């Protein structure tokens, strides 16, 4: 996943917010499948989609990692 925009104002005083966005598990789920609650930072769009979408893509790196 690429870095996101972070928080404005930042939640993390050290400046790591742009690296800490929630993992996209499923693009079709609320909050991208990360939580049923409200995450501290928003889920960001990622190239190729979330984990569920990458699992179905035979050209994705994810199927190679899982084997």
PDB file of N, CA and C in Angstrom:
ATOM      1  N   UNK A   1       0.830  -1.176   0.000  1.00  0.00           N
ATOM      2  CA  UNK A   1       0.000   0.000   0.000  1.00  0.00           C
ATOM      3  C   UNK A   1       0.877   1.243   0.000  1.00  0.00           C
ATOM      4  N   UNK A   2       0.419   2.210  -0.729  1.00  0.00           N
ATOM      5  CA  UNK A   2       1.127   3.495  -0.749  1.00  0.00           C
ATOM      6  C   UNK A   2       0.800   4.282   0.516  1.00  0.00           C
ATOM      7  N   UNK A   3       1.606   5.274   0.809  1.00  0.00           N
ATOM      8  CA  UNK A   3       1.330   6.140   1.951  1.00  0.00           C
ATOM      9  C   UNK A   3       0.076   6.963   1.682  1.00  0.00           C
ATOM     10  N   UNK A   4      -0.609   7.318   2.740  1.00  0.00           N
ATOM     11  CA  UNK A   4      -1.790   8.152   2.627  1.00  0.00           C
ATOM     12  C   UNK A   4      -1.488   9.584   3.017  1.00  0.00           C
ATOM     13  N   UNK A   5      -2.531  10.389   3.100  1.00  0.00           N
ATOM     14  CA  UNK A   5      -2.319  11.800   3.407  1.00  0.00           C
ATOM     15  C   UNK A   5      -2.010  12.098   4.861  1.00  0.00           C
ATOM     16  N   UNK A   6      -2.222  11.127   5.746  1.00  0.00           N
ATOM     17  CA  UNK A   6      -2.004  11.404   7.160  1.00  0.00           C
ATOM     18  C   UNK A   6      -3.210  12.093   7.768  1.00  0.00           C
ATOM     19  N   UNK A   7      -3.082  12.623   8.935  1.00  0.00           N
ATOM     20  CA  UNK A   7      -4.166  13.331   9.613  1.00  0.00           C
ATOM     21  C   UNK A   7      -3.906  14.822   9.626  1.00  0.00           C
ATOM     22  N   UNK A   8      -4.964  15.580   9.622  1.00  0.00           N
ATOM     23  CA  UNK A   8      -4.806  17.028   9.673  1.00  0.00           C
ATOM     24  C   UNK A   8      -5.795  17.582  10.687  1.00  0.00           C
ATOM     25  N   UNK A   9      -5.390  17.941  11.867  1.00  0.00           N
ATOM     26  CA  UNK A   9      -4.015  17.932  12.359  1.00  0.00           C
ATOM     27  C   UNK A   9      -3.524  16.498  12.594  1.00  0.00           C
ATOM     28  N   UNK A  10      -2.208  16.275  12.632  1.00  0.00           N
ATOM     29  CA  UNK A  10      -1.670  14.925  12.815  1.00  0.00           C
ATOM     30  C   UNK A  10      -2.111  14.314  14.145  1.00  0.00           C
ATOM     31  N   UNK A  11      -2.420  13.023  14.113  1.00  0.00           N
ATOM     32  CA  UNK A  11      -2.741  12.302  15.342  1.00  0.00           C
ATOM     33  C   UNK A  11      -1.458  11.883  16.048  1.00  0.00           C
ATOM     34  N   UNK A  12      -0.416  11.654  15.262  1.00  0.00           N
ATOM     35  CA  UNK A  12       0.849  11.166  15.779  1.00  0.00           C
ATOM     36  C   UNK A  12       1.874  12.298  15.767  1.00  0.00           C
ATOM     37  N   UNK A  13       2.362  12.674  16.917  1.00  0.00           N
ATOM     38  CA  UNK A  13       3.299  13.798  17.011  1.00  0.00           C
ATOM     39  C   UNK A  13       4.632  13.533  16.314  1.00  0.00           C
ATOM     40  N   UNK A  14       4.941  12.267  16.020  1.00  0.00           N
ATOM     41  CA  UNK A  14       6.205  11.928  15.388  1.00  0.00           C
ATOM     42  C   UNK A  14       6.103  12.032  13.865  1.00  0.00           C
ATOM     43  N   UNK A  15       4.880  12.170  13.343  1.00  0.00           N
ATOM     44  CA  UNK A  15       4.703  12.348  11.915  1.00  0.00           C
ATOM     45  C   UNK A  15       4.567  11.075  11.104  1.00  0.00           C
ATOM     46  N   UNK A  16       4.142   9.982  11.734  1.00  0.00           N
ATOM     47  CA  UNK A  16       4.017   8.709  11.022  1.00  0.00           C
ATOM     48  C   UNK A  16       2.629   8.468  10.439  1.00  0.00           C
ATOM     49  N   UNK A  17       1.696   9.403  10.593  1.00  0.00           N
ATOM     50  CA  UNK A  17       0.318   9.180  10.143  1.00  0.00           C
ATOM     51  C   UNK A  17       0.221   8.746   8.680  1.00  0.00           C
ATOM     52  N   UNK A  18       1.023   9.324   7.825  1.00  0.00           N
ATOM     53  CA  UNK A  18       0.902   8.974   6.403  1.00  0.00           C
ATOM     54  C   UNK A  18       1.231   7.501   6.151  1.00  0.00           C
ATOM     55  N   UNK A  19       1.930   6.839   7.059  1.00  0.00           N
ATOM     56  CA  UNK A  19       2.299   5.430   6.911  1.00  0.00           C
ATOM     57  C   UNK A  19       1.342   4.496   7.654  1.00  0.00           C
ATOM     58  N   UNK A  20       0.358   5.020   8.366  1.00  0.00           N
ATOM     59  CA  UNK A  20      -0.418   4.212   9.304  1.00  0.00           C
ATOM     60  C   UNK A  20      -1.880   4.049   8.942  1.00  0.00           C
ATOM     61  N   UNK A  21      -2.259   4.236   7.707  1.00  0.00           N
ATOM     62  CA  UNK A  21      -3.665   4.082   7.327  1.00  0.00           C
ATOM     63  C   UNK A  21      -4.098   2.637   7.443  1.00  0.00           C
ATOM     64  N   UNK A  22      -5.388   2.394   7.710  1.00  0.00           N
ATOM     65  CA  UNK A  22      -5.877   1.027   7.895  1.00  0.00           C
ATOM     66  C   UNK A  22      -5.640   0.143   6.671  1.00  0.00           C
ATOM     67  N   UNK A  23      -5.351  -1.121   6.927  1.00  0.00           N
ATOM     68  CA  UNK A  23      -5.170  -2.114   5.869  1.00  0.00           C
ATOM     69  C   UNK A  23      -6.487  -2.306   5.135  1.00  0.00           C
ATOM     70  N   UNK A  24      -6.449  -2.329   3.811  1.00  0.00           N
ATOM     71  CA  UNK A  24      -7.650  -2.574   2.995  1.00  0.00           C
ATOM     72  C   UNK A  24      -7.814  -4.081   2.843  1.00  0.00           C
ATOM     73  N   UNK A  25      -8.755  -4.659   3.585  1.00  0.00           N
ATOM     74  CA  UNK A  25      -9.001  -6.099   3.482  1.00  0.00           C
ATOM     75  C   UNK A  25      -9.987  -6.403   2.362  1.00  0.00           C
ATOM     76  N   UNK A  26     -11.035  -5.600   2.242  1.00  0.00           N
ATOM     77  CA  UNK A  26     -12.060  -5.860   1.221  1.00  0.00           C
ATOM     78  C   UNK A  26     -12.659  -4.529   0.786  1.00  0.00           C
ATOM     79  N   UNK A  27     -12.473  -4.185  -0.485  1.00  0.00           N
ATOM     80  CA  UNK A  27     -12.957  -2.897  -0.988  1.00  0.00           C
ATOM     81  C   UNK A  27     -14.472  -2.765  -0.913  1.00  0.00           C
ATOM     82  N   UNK A  28     -15.191  -3.898  -0.889  1.00  0.00           N
ATOM     83  CA  UNK A  28     -16.650  -3.844  -0.854  1.00  0.00           C
ATOM     84  C   UNK A  28     -17.238  -3.720   0.544  1.00  0.00           C
ATOM     85  N   UNK A  29     -16.402  -3.784   1.570  1.00  0.00           N
ATOM     86  CA  UNK A  29     -16.881  -3.738   2.953  1.00  0.00           C
ATOM     87  C   UNK A  29     -16.752  -2.321   3.520  1.00  0.00           C
ATOM     88  N   UNK A  30     -17.616  -1.991   4.496  1.00  0.00           N
ATOM     89  CA  UNK A  30     -17.461  -0.686   5.163  1.00  0.00           C
ATOM     90  C   UNK A  30     -16.067  -0.570   5.789  1.00  0.00           C
ATOM     91  N   UNK A  31     -15.490   0.593   5.730  1.00  0.00           N
ATOM     92  CA  UNK A  31     -14.137   0.865   6.242  1.00  0.00           C
ATOM     93  C   UNK A  31     -13.113  -0.112   5.648  1.00  0.00           C
ATOM     94  N   UNK A  32     -13.406  -0.603   4.429  1.00  0.00           N
ATOM     95  CA  UNK A  32     -12.516  -1.524   3.695  1.00  0.00           C
ATOM     96  C   UNK A  32     -12.253  -2.819   4.458  1.00  0.00           C
ATOM     97  N   UNK A  33     -13.181  -3.197   5.350  1.00  0.00           N
ATOM     98  CA  UNK A  33     -13.044  -4.437   6.105  1.00  0.00           C
ATOM     99  C   UNK A  33     -12.079  -4.352   7.268  1.00  0.00           C
ATOM    100  N   UNK A  34     -11.553  -3.181   7.557  1.00  0.00           N
ATOM    101  CA  UNK A  34     -10.581  -3.020   8.635  1.00  0.00           C
ATOM    102  C   UNK A  34     -11.235  -3.097  10.007  1.00  0.00           C
ATOM    103  N   UNK A  35     -12.410  -2.492  10.148  1.00  0.00           N
ATOM    104  CA  UNK A  35     -13.094  -2.444  11.440  1.00  0.00           C
ATOM    105  C   UNK A  35     -14.576  -2.172  11.221  1.00  0.00           C
ATOM    106  N   UNK A  36     -15.377  -2.562  12.184  1.00  0.00           N
ATOM    107  CA  UNK A  36     -16.794  -2.196  12.135  1.00  0.00           C
ATOM    108  C   UNK A  36     -17.008  -0.850  12.820  1.00  0.00           C
ATOM    109  N   UNK A  37     -15.965  -0.345  13.457  1.00  0.00           N
ATOM    110  CA  UNK A  37     -16.014   0.956  14.124  1.00  0.00           C
ATOM    111  C   UNK A  37     -15.527   2.056  13.213  1.00  0.00           C
ATOM    112  N   UNK A  38     -15.009   3.098  13.817  1.00  0.00           N
ATOM    113  CA  UNK A  38     -14.502   4.248  13.072  1.00  0.00           C
ATOM    114  C   UNK A  38     -12.987   4.328  13.271  1.00  0.00           C
ATOM    115  N   UNK A  39     -12.184   4.066  12.212  1.00  0.00           N
ATOM    116  CA  UNK A  39     -10.731   4.099  12.393  1.00  0.00           C
ATOM    117  C   UNK A  39     -10.217   5.516  12.637  1.00  0.00           C
ATOM    118  N   UNK A  40      -9.056   5.622  13.248  1.00  0.00           N
ATOM    119  CA  UNK A  40      -8.473   6.930  13.560  1.00  0.00           C
ATOM    120  C   UNK A  40      -8.048   7.673  12.306  1.00  0.00           C
ATOM    121  N   UNK A  41      -7.700   6.936  11.241  1.00  0.00           N
ATOM    122  CA  UNK A  41      -7.368   7.518   9.945  1.00  0.00           C
ATOM    123  C   UNK A  41      -8.228   6.820   8.895  1.00  0.00           C
ATOM    124  N   UNK A  42      -8.563   7.473   7.807  1.00  0.00           N
ATOM    125  CA  UNK A  42      -9.425   6.840   6.804  1.00  0.00           C
ATOM    126  C   UNK A  42      -8.683   5.772   6.008  1.00  0.00           C
ATOM    127  N   UNK A  43      -9.439   4.778   5.530  1.00  0.00           N
ATOM    128  CA  UNK A  43      -8.868   3.814   4.588  1.00  0.00           C
ATOM    129  C   UNK A  43      -8.648   4.550   3.266  1.00  0.00           C
ATOM    130  N   UNK A  44      -7.521   4.315   2.640  1.00  0.00           N
ATOM    131  CA  UNK A  44      -7.209   5.007   1.387  1.00  0.00           C
ATOM    132  C   UNK A  44      -7.370   4.042   0.214  1.00  0.00           C
ATOM    133  N   UNK A  45      -7.634   4.575  -0.957  1.00  0.00           N
ATOM    134  CA  UNK A  45      -7.699   3.756  -2.166  1.00  0.00           C
ATOM    135  C   UNK A  45      -6.304   3.259  -2.505  1.00  0.00           C
ATOM    136  N   UNK A  46      -6.229   2.016  -2.968  1.00  0.00           N
ATOM    137  CA  UNK A  46      -4.933   1.459  -3.345  1.00  0.00           C
ATOM    138  C   UNK A  46      -5.013   0.863  -4.744  1.00  0.00           C
ATOM    139  N   UNK A  47      -3.940   0.950  -5.461  1.00  0.00           N
ATOM    140  CA  UNK A  47      -3.857   0.373  -6.794  1.00  0.00           C
ATOM    141  C   UNK A  47      -4.006  -1.145  -6.687  1.00  0.00           C
ATOM    142  N   UNK A  48      -4.888  -1.735  -7.477  1.00  0.00           N
ATOM    143  CA  UNK A  48      -5.095  -3.179  -7.442  1.00  0.00           C
ATOM    144  C   UNK A  48      -6.156  -3.628  -6.469  1.00  0.00           C
ATOM    145  N   UNK A  49      -6.601  -2.748  -5.591  1.00  0.00           N
ATOM    146  CA  UNK A  49      -7.647  -3.090  -4.634  1.00  0.00           C
ATOM    147  C   UNK A  49      -7.100  -3.670  -3.347  1.00  0.00           C
ATOM    148  N   UNK A  50      -8.034  -4.025  -2.474  1.00  0.00           N
ATOM    149  CA  UNK A  50      -7.672  -4.588  -1.179  1.00  0.00           C
ATOM    150  C   UNK A  50      -7.257  -6.041  -1.286  1.00  0.00           C
ATOM    151  N   UNK A  51      -7.020  -6.674  -0.133  1.00  0.00           N
ATOM    152  CA  UNK A  51      -6.555  -8.058  -0.085  1.00  0.00           C
ATOM    153  C   UNK A  51      -7.525  -8.995  -0.807  1.00  0.00           C
ATOM    154  N   UNK A  52      -8.823  -8.875  -0.571  1.00  0.00           N
ATOM    155  CA  UNK A  52      -9.799  -9.757  -1.215  1.00  0.00           C
ATOM    156  C   UNK A  52      -9.736  -9.634  -2.735  1.00  0.00           C
ATOM    157  N   UNK A  53      -9.541  -8.442  -3.247  1.00  0.00           N
ATOM    158  CA  UNK A  53      -9.454  -8.234  -4.679  1.00  0.00           C
ATOM    159  C   UNK A  53      -8.122  -8.776  -5.224  1.00  0.00           C
ATOM    160  N   UNK A  54      -7.050  -8.594  -4.494  1.00  0.00           N
ATOM    161  CA  UNK A  54      -5.741  -9.085  -4.922  1.00  0.00           C
ATOM    162  C   UNK A  54      -5.707 -10.618  -4.964  1.00  0.00           C
ATOM    163  N   UNK A  55      -6.429 -11.274  -4.030  1.00  0.00           N
ATOM    164  CA  UNK A  55      -6.467 -12.743  -4.025  1.00  0.00           C
ATOM    165  C   UNK A  55      -7.058 -13.301  -5.312  1.00  0.00           C
ATOM    166  N   UNK A  56      -7.992 -12.572  -5.913  1.00  0.00           N
ATOM    167  CA  UNK A  56      -8.648 -13.031  -7.141  1.00  0.00           C
ATOM    168  C   UNK A  56      -7.862 -12.667  -8.401  1.00  0.00           C
ATOM    169  N   UNK A  57      -6.843 -11.872  -8.262  1.00  0.00           N
ATOM    170  CA  UNK A  57      -6.056 -11.419  -9.407  1.00  0.00           C
ATOM    171  C   UNK A  57      -4.838 -12.327  -9.571  1.00  0.00           C
ATOM    172  N   UNK A  58      -4.840 -13.156 -10.612  1.00  0.00           N
ATOM    173  CA  UNK A  58      -3.743 -14.082 -10.842  1.00  0.00           C
ATOM    174  C   UNK A  58      -2.412 -13.416 -11.103  1.00  0.00           C
ATOM    175  N   UNK A  59      -2.425 -12.151 -11.492  1.00  0.00           N
ATOM    176  CA  UNK A  59      -1.186 -11.417 -11.747  1.00  0.00           C
ATOM    177  C   UNK A  59      -0.696 -10.643 -10.526  1.00  0.00           C
ATOM    178  N   UNK A  60      -1.428 -10.719  -9.433  1.00  0.00           N
ATOM    179  CA  UNK A  60      -1.046 -10.011  -8.214  1.00  0.00           C
ATOM    180  C   UNK A  60       0.118 -10.724  -7.531  1.00  0.00           C
ATOM    181  N   UNK A  61       0.853 -10.015  -6.725  1.00  0.00           N
ATOM    182  CA  UNK A  61       1.924 -10.613  -5.940  1.00  0.00           C
ATOM    183  C   UNK A  61       1.347 -11.487  -4.820  1.00  0.00           C
ATOM    184  N   UNK A  62       0.164 -11.176  -4.344  1.00  0.00           N
ATOM    185  CA  UNK A  62      -0.426 -11.873  -3.194  1.00  0.00           C
ATOM    186  C   UNK A  62      -0.517 -13.388  -3.384  1.00  0.00           C
ATOM    187  N   UNK A  63      -0.989 -13.923  -4.539  1.00  0.00           N
ATOM    188  CA  UNK A  63      -1.037 -15.392  -4.677  1.00  0.00           C
ATOM    189  C   UNK A  63       0.335 -16.066  -4.539  1.00  0.00           C
ATOM    190  N   UNK A  64       1.397 -15.376  -4.926  1.00  0.00           N
ATOM    191  CA  UNK A  64       2.735 -15.947  -4.793  1.00  0.00           C
ATOM    192  C   UNK A  64       3.176 -15.998  -3.335  1.00  0.00           C
ATOM    193  N   UNK A  65       2.746 -15.033  -2.544  1.00  0.00           N
ATOM    194  CA  UNK A  65       3.105 -14.994  -1.129  1.00  0.00           C
ATOM    195  C   UNK A  65       2.378 -16.090  -0.372  1.00  0.00           C
ATOM    196  N   UNK A  66       1.133 -16.374  -0.741  1.00  0.00           N
ATOM    197  CA  UNK A  66       0.307 -17.337  -0.004  1.00  0.00           C
ATOM    198  C   UNK A  66       0.700 -18.784  -0.275  1.00  0.00           C
ATOM    199  N   UNK A  67       1.499 -19.045  -1.308  1.00  0.00           N
ATOM    200  CA  UNK A  67       1.859 -20.437  -1.623  1.00  0.00           C
ATOM    201  C   UNK A  67       3.191 -20.810  -1.066  1.00  0.00           C
TER     202      UNK A  67
END
